[in-house]
């Protein structure tokens, strides 16, 4: 499997920000808790990707 480079990680981070925005703006979630769980999942992955970006920049 090919490793992700800095550009790949930045694309993923940008995609996650669009996903976050879509979840925040969507009005038909089954519940508030569901919406918060989805946002938490996105934020957790975004934080991991940000960490990988910082590692790539240091290398």
N, C-alpha and C. Protein backbone atom coordinates (compact mmCIF):
# COMPACT_ATOMS: atom_id res chain seq x y z
N UNK A 1 0.84 -1.18 0.00
CA UNK A 1 0.00 0.00 0.00
C UNK A 1 0.89 1.24 0.00
N UNK A 2 0.52 2.18 -0.79
CA UNK A 2 1.30 3.41 -0.90
C UNK A 2 1.00 4.34 0.28
N UNK A 3 2.03 4.99 0.81
CA UNK A 3 1.84 5.92 1.92
C UNK A 3 1.19 7.20 1.42
N UNK A 4 0.47 7.85 2.33
CA UNK A 4 -0.14 9.13 2.02
C UNK A 4 0.91 10.23 2.14
N UNK A 5 0.93 11.14 1.18
CA UNK A 5 1.86 12.26 1.28
C UNK A 5 1.13 13.47 1.85
N UNK A 6 1.84 14.55 2.02
CA UNK A 6 1.28 15.75 2.64
C UNK A 6 0.07 16.26 1.86
N UNK A 7 0.17 16.28 0.55
CA UNK A 7 -0.95 16.76 -0.27
C UNK A 7 -2.19 15.88 -0.05
N UNK A 8 -2.00 14.56 -0.01
CA UNK A 8 -3.11 13.63 0.23
C UNK A 8 -3.80 13.94 1.56
N UNK A 9 -2.98 14.15 2.59
CA UNK A 9 -3.54 14.42 3.92
C UNK A 9 -4.29 15.74 3.94
N UNK A 10 -3.79 16.74 3.23
CA UNK A 10 -4.49 18.02 3.17
C UNK A 10 -5.83 17.90 2.45
N UNK A 11 -5.89 17.06 1.42
CA UNK A 11 -7.15 16.82 0.71
C UNK A 11 -8.14 16.13 1.64
N UNK A 12 -7.66 15.16 2.40
CA UNK A 12 -8.53 14.47 3.35
C UNK A 12 -9.06 15.45 4.40
N UNK A 13 -8.19 16.29 4.92
CA UNK A 13 -8.61 17.26 5.93
C UNK A 13 -9.67 18.21 5.37
N UNK A 14 -9.47 18.67 4.14
CA UNK A 14 -10.45 19.55 3.51
C UNK A 14 -11.78 18.83 3.30
N UNK A 15 -11.73 17.59 2.88
CA UNK A 15 -12.95 16.81 2.70
C UNK A 15 -13.70 16.63 4.02
N UNK A 16 -12.95 16.41 5.08
CA UNK A 16 -13.58 16.28 6.40
C UNK A 16 -14.25 17.58 6.83
N UNK A 17 -13.67 18.71 6.48
CA UNK A 17 -14.29 19.99 6.84
C UNK A 17 -15.60 20.18 6.09
N UNK A 18 -15.66 19.72 4.83
CA UNK A 18 -16.93 19.78 4.09
C UNK A 18 -17.96 18.84 4.69
N UNK A 19 -17.51 17.67 5.12
CA UNK A 19 -18.42 16.72 5.77
C UNK A 19 -18.97 17.31 7.06
N UNK A 20 -18.09 17.94 7.84
CA UNK A 20 -18.51 18.56 9.09
C UNK A 20 -19.57 19.63 8.82
N UNK A 21 -19.31 20.46 7.83
CA UNK A 21 -20.26 21.54 7.48
C UNK A 21 -21.60 20.96 7.05
N UNK A 22 -21.56 19.91 6.24
CA UNK A 22 -22.80 19.27 5.80
C UNK A 22 -23.61 18.74 6.98
N UNK A 23 -22.93 18.11 7.92
CA UNK A 23 -23.62 17.57 9.10
C UNK A 23 -24.20 18.71 9.93
N UNK A 24 -23.44 19.78 10.10
CA UNK A 24 -23.91 20.91 10.91
C UNK A 24 -25.14 21.57 10.30
N UNK A 25 -25.18 21.65 8.97
CA UNK A 25 -26.27 22.35 8.30
C UNK A 25 -27.50 21.49 8.06
N UNK A 26 -27.34 20.18 8.09
CA UNK A 26 -28.45 19.27 7.82
C UNK A 26 -29.47 19.37 8.95
N UNK A 27 -30.75 19.46 8.60
CA UNK A 27 -31.79 19.68 9.60
C UNK A 27 -32.60 18.44 9.95
N UNK A 28 -32.36 17.34 9.28
CA UNK A 28 -33.22 16.16 9.46
C UNK A 28 -32.55 15.00 10.19
N UNK A 29 -31.62 15.29 11.08
CA UNK A 29 -30.99 14.22 11.86
C UNK A 29 -32.04 13.55 12.74
N UNK A 30 -31.90 12.25 12.97
CA UNK A 30 -32.87 11.56 13.83
C UNK A 30 -32.95 12.16 15.24
N UNK A 31 -31.82 12.69 15.73
CA UNK A 31 -31.82 13.30 17.06
C UNK A 31 -30.59 14.20 17.18
N UNK A 32 -30.62 15.04 18.20
CA UNK A 32 -29.47 15.91 18.48
C UNK A 32 -28.25 15.07 18.83
N UNK A 33 -28.47 14.00 19.60
CA UNK A 33 -27.37 13.13 20.01
C UNK A 33 -26.71 12.48 18.80
N UNK A 34 -27.52 12.07 17.83
CA UNK A 34 -26.98 11.47 16.62
C UNK A 34 -26.09 12.47 15.89
N UNK A 35 -26.57 13.70 15.76
CA UNK A 35 -25.79 14.75 15.10
C UNK A 35 -24.47 14.96 15.82
N UNK A 36 -24.50 15.01 17.15
CA UNK A 36 -23.28 15.21 17.92
C UNK A 36 -22.32 14.04 17.77
N UNK A 37 -22.84 12.83 17.70
CA UNK A 37 -21.98 11.65 17.50
C UNK A 37 -21.29 11.72 16.14
N UNK A 38 -22.02 12.12 15.12
CA UNK A 38 -21.44 12.24 13.79
C UNK A 38 -20.35 13.31 13.76
N UNK A 39 -20.61 14.44 14.40
CA UNK A 39 -19.62 15.51 14.45
C UNK A 39 -18.38 15.06 15.23
N UNK A 40 -18.58 14.31 16.29
CA UNK A 40 -17.46 13.82 17.08
C UNK A 40 -16.59 12.87 16.26
N UNK A 41 -17.23 12.00 15.49
CA UNK A 41 -16.47 11.08 14.63
C UNK A 41 -15.62 11.86 13.63
N UNK A 42 -16.22 12.86 12.99
CA UNK A 42 -15.50 13.68 12.02
C UNK A 42 -14.34 14.40 12.70
N UNK A 43 -14.61 15.00 13.86
CA UNK A 43 -13.57 15.74 14.57
C UNK A 43 -12.43 14.84 15.01
N UNK A 44 -12.73 13.64 15.45
CA UNK A 44 -11.68 12.70 15.86
C UNK A 44 -10.75 12.36 14.70
N UNK A 45 -11.33 12.09 13.55
CA UNK A 45 -10.51 11.76 12.39
C UNK A 45 -9.73 12.99 11.93
N UNK A 46 -10.39 14.16 11.93
CA UNK A 46 -9.72 15.40 11.52
C UNK A 46 -8.51 15.68 12.42
N UNK A 47 -8.65 15.43 13.71
CA UNK A 47 -7.53 15.63 14.64
C UNK A 47 -6.38 14.68 14.32
N UNK A 48 -6.70 13.44 14.00
CA UNK A 48 -5.66 12.47 13.64
C UNK A 48 -4.95 12.90 12.36
N UNK A 49 -5.72 13.34 11.38
CA UNK A 49 -5.13 13.78 10.11
C UNK A 49 -4.26 15.01 10.34
N UNK A 50 -4.72 15.93 11.18
CA UNK A 50 -3.91 17.11 11.49
C UNK A 50 -2.58 16.71 12.12
N UNK A 51 -2.62 15.72 12.99
CA UNK A 51 -1.38 15.23 13.60
C UNK A 51 -0.44 14.63 12.56
N UNK A 52 -0.99 13.89 11.61
CA UNK A 52 -0.18 13.33 10.55
C UNK A 52 0.41 14.42 9.66
N UNK A 53 -0.36 15.46 9.42
CA UNK A 53 0.13 16.59 8.63
C UNK A 53 1.31 17.24 9.33
N UNK A 54 1.19 17.43 10.64
CA UNK A 54 2.30 18.04 11.39
C UNK A 54 3.54 17.15 11.33
N UNK A 55 3.36 15.85 11.44
CA UNK A 55 4.48 14.92 11.34
C UNK A 55 5.15 15.01 9.97
N UNK A 56 4.34 15.08 8.92
CA UNK A 56 4.88 15.18 7.56
C UNK A 56 5.67 16.47 7.37
N UNK A 57 5.17 17.55 7.95
CA UNK A 57 5.86 18.85 7.80
C UNK A 57 7.20 18.86 8.54
N UNK A 58 7.30 18.09 9.62
CA UNK A 58 8.55 18.04 10.38
C UNK A 58 9.59 17.18 9.67
N UNK A 59 9.11 16.25 8.88
CA UNK A 59 10.04 15.28 8.21
C UNK A 59 10.79 15.92 7.06
